[in-house]
Each structure stands twice: as C-alpha cells, then as structure tokens.
Amino acid sequence: MVQAYILIQTEVGKASAVAGSIAKIPGVLQAEDVTGPYDVIVRAEADTVDDLGRLVVAKVQQVEGITRTLTCPVVHL
C-alpha cells in the first residue's frame, strides 16, 4: 500500500468545497482545509504508485476549484 499527502491550492473561497468533494473520493483517507501556502491537505492511499498517480490525475485534479497540486509520497526509512 502506498500513501501520500496531496497539497492543494484552490481558487479564492473554494477550499472548504474542494476538501468536501475530495473527501468523498475512494482512496482518500482525510481531506482538510488549512491555512498557509496550501489551502487543502489530503492523505490518500492506493495499492501501487501507478494507482496513486491515477487517483491524483483522474480524480483529485478534476475537482472544480483546484489550481495546483503537489503530491508527497510517504516513505518509510
């Protein structure tokens, strides 16, 4: 299982709606609107890195109001 944090920038005033929409996507463990340089932080998981990439590109990035994403895979050192 691969997990990642997805840092999301949104259009002004859209953070709450974006977080709510993303929270409903299968594979998303948590979606929170936050303050700072990013507006929403998501924790997601998938079986493989490829599946995680498909989740981000095909589902998360398609949510209306998102302007930019940065995916940070979790590593276990």
C-alpha atoms as a PDB file:
ATOM      1  CA  MET A   1       0.000   0.000   0.000  1.00  0.00           C
ATOM      2  CA  VAL A   2       1.316   3.439  -0.973  1.00  0.00           C
ATOM      3  CA  GLN A   3       0.255   6.562   0.893  1.00  0.00           C
ATOM      4  CA  ALA A   4       0.818  10.213   0.078  1.00  0.00           C
ATOM      5  CA  TYR A   5      -0.050  13.706   1.161  1.00  0.00           C
ATOM      6  CA  ILE A   6      -1.500  15.867  -1.605  1.00  0.00           C
ATOM      7  CA  LEU A   7      -1.023  19.601  -1.062  1.00  0.00           C
ATOM      8  CA  ILE A   8      -3.626  21.608  -2.941  1.00  0.00           C
ATOM      9  CA  GLN A   9      -4.004  25.255  -3.873  1.00  0.00           C
ATOM     10  CA  THR A  10      -7.532  26.384  -4.732  1.00  0.00           C
ATOM     11  CA  GLU A  11      -9.327  29.374  -6.141  1.00  0.00           C
ATOM     12  CA  VAL A  12     -10.140  32.002  -3.516  1.00  0.00           C
ATOM     13  CA  GLY A  13     -13.020  30.909  -1.291  1.00  0.00           C
ATOM     14  CA  LYS A  14     -13.139  27.326  -2.627  1.00  0.00           C
ATOM     15  CA  ALA A  15     -11.061  25.440  -0.042  1.00  0.00           C
ATOM     16  CA  SER A  16     -13.969  24.090   2.001  1.00  0.00           C
ATOM     17  CA  ALA A  17     -15.915  22.905  -1.043  1.00  0.00           C
ATOM     18  CA  VAL A  18     -12.802  21.310  -2.565  1.00  0.00           C
ATOM     19  CA  ALA A  19     -11.979  19.475   0.686  1.00  0.00           C
ATOM     20  CA  GLY A  20     -15.562  18.232   0.956  1.00  0.00           C
ATOM     21  CA  SER A  21     -15.605  16.937  -2.609  1.00  0.00           C
ATOM     22  CA  ILE A  22     -12.229  15.245  -2.333  1.00  0.00           C
ATOM     23  CA  ALA A  23     -13.148  13.572   0.965  1.00  0.00           C
ATOM     24  CA  LYS A  24     -15.773  11.540  -0.924  1.00  0.00           C
ATOM     25  CA  ILE A  25     -13.272  10.057  -3.402  1.00  0.00           C
ATOM     26  CA  PRO A  26     -12.398   6.375  -2.760  1.00  0.00           C
ATOM     27  CA  GLY A  27      -8.774   6.112  -1.643  1.00  0.00           C
ATOM     28  CA  VAL A  28      -8.835   9.438   0.197  1.00  0.00           C
ATOM     29  CA  LEU A  29      -8.289   8.895   3.908  1.00  0.00           C
ATOM     30  CA  GLN A  30      -8.623  12.515   5.002  1.00  0.00           C
ATOM     31  CA  ALA A  31      -9.103  15.949   3.424  1.00  0.00           C
ATOM     32  CA  GLU A  32      -8.758  19.105   5.484  1.00  0.00           C
ATOM     33  CA  ASP A  33      -8.837  22.793   4.584  1.00  0.00           C
ATOM     34  CA  VAL A  34      -5.885  24.562   6.188  1.00  0.00           C
ATOM     35  CA  THR A  35      -4.162  27.955   6.312  1.00  0.00           C
ATOM     36  CA  GLY A  36      -0.793  28.732   4.784  1.00  0.00           C
ATOM     37  CA  PRO A  37       0.595  28.409   1.260  1.00  0.00           C
ATOM     38  CA  TYR A  38      -1.736  25.473   0.545  1.00  0.00           C
ATOM     39  CA  ASP A  39      -5.482  25.537   1.043  1.00  0.00           C
ATOM     40  CA  VAL A  40      -6.257  21.825   1.371  1.00  0.00           C
ATOM     41  CA  ILE A  41      -4.139  18.880   2.516  1.00  0.00           C
ATOM     42  CA  VAL A  42      -5.245  15.368   1.616  1.00  0.00           C
ATOM     43  CA  ARG A  43      -3.959  11.989   2.791  1.00  0.00           C
ATOM     44  CA  ALA A  44      -4.605   9.266   0.236  1.00  0.00           C
ATOM     45  CA  GLU A  45      -3.647   5.651  -0.341  1.00  0.00           C
ATOM     46  CA  ALA A  46      -3.550   3.231  -3.247  1.00  0.00           C
ATOM     47  CA  ASP A  47      -2.196  -0.243  -3.955  1.00  0.00           C
ATOM     48  CA  THR A  48       0.674   0.961  -6.175  1.00  0.00           C
ATOM     49  CA  VAL A  49       2.432   4.193  -7.131  1.00  0.00           C
ATOM     50  CA  ASP A  50       0.747   3.961 -10.544  1.00  0.00           C
ATOM     51  CA  ASP A  51      -2.679   3.650  -8.911  1.00  0.00           C
ATOM     52  CA  LEU A  52      -1.858   6.643  -6.724  1.00  0.00           C
ATOM     53  CA  GLY A  53      -0.927   8.651  -9.812  1.00  0.00           C
ATOM     54  CA  ARG A  54      -4.214   7.716 -11.470  1.00  0.00           C
ATOM     55  CA  LEU A  55      -6.107   8.726  -8.327  1.00  0.00           C
ATOM     56  CA  VAL A  56      -4.462  12.163  -8.327  1.00  0.00           C
ATOM     57  CA  VAL A  57      -4.723  12.868 -12.060  1.00  0.00           C
ATOM     58  CA  ALA A  58      -8.072  11.258 -12.891  1.00  0.00           C
ATOM     59  CA  LYS A  59     -10.000  12.074  -9.730  1.00  0.00           C
ATOM     60  CA  VAL A  60      -8.450  14.638  -7.394  1.00  0.00           C
ATOM     61  CA  GLN A  61      -7.256  17.099 -10.056  1.00  0.00           C
ATOM     62  CA  GLN A  62     -10.661  17.000 -11.745  1.00  0.00           C
ATOM     63  CA  VAL A  63     -12.386  18.593  -8.729  1.00  0.00           C
ATOM     64  CA  GLU A  64     -13.579  22.085  -9.623  1.00  0.00           C
ATOM     65  CA  GLY A  65     -11.743  24.918  -7.896  1.00  0.00           C
ATOM     66  CA  ILE A  66      -8.259  23.345  -7.777  1.00  0.00           C
ATOM     67  CA  THR A  67      -5.465  25.408  -9.295  1.00  0.00           C
ATOM     68  CA  ARG A  68      -2.406  23.330  -8.334  1.00  0.00           C
ATOM     69  CA  THR A  69      -1.432  20.092  -6.595  1.00  0.00           C
ATOM     70  CA  LEU A  70       1.790  18.717  -5.139  1.00  0.00           C
ATOM     71  CA  THR A  71       1.909  15.021  -4.264  1.00  0.00           C
ATOM     72  CA  CYS A  72       4.285  13.933  -1.485  1.00  0.00           C
ATOM     73  CA  PRO A  73       4.574  10.134  -1.133  1.00  0.00           C
ATOM     74  CA  VAL A  74       5.111   8.788   2.367  1.00  0.00           C
ATOM     75  CA  VAL A  75       8.433   6.947   2.753  1.00  0.00           C
ATOM     76  CA  HIS A  76       9.434   4.523   5.473  1.00  0.00           C
ATOM     77  CA  LEU A  77      13.187   4.782   6.070  1.00  0.00           C
END
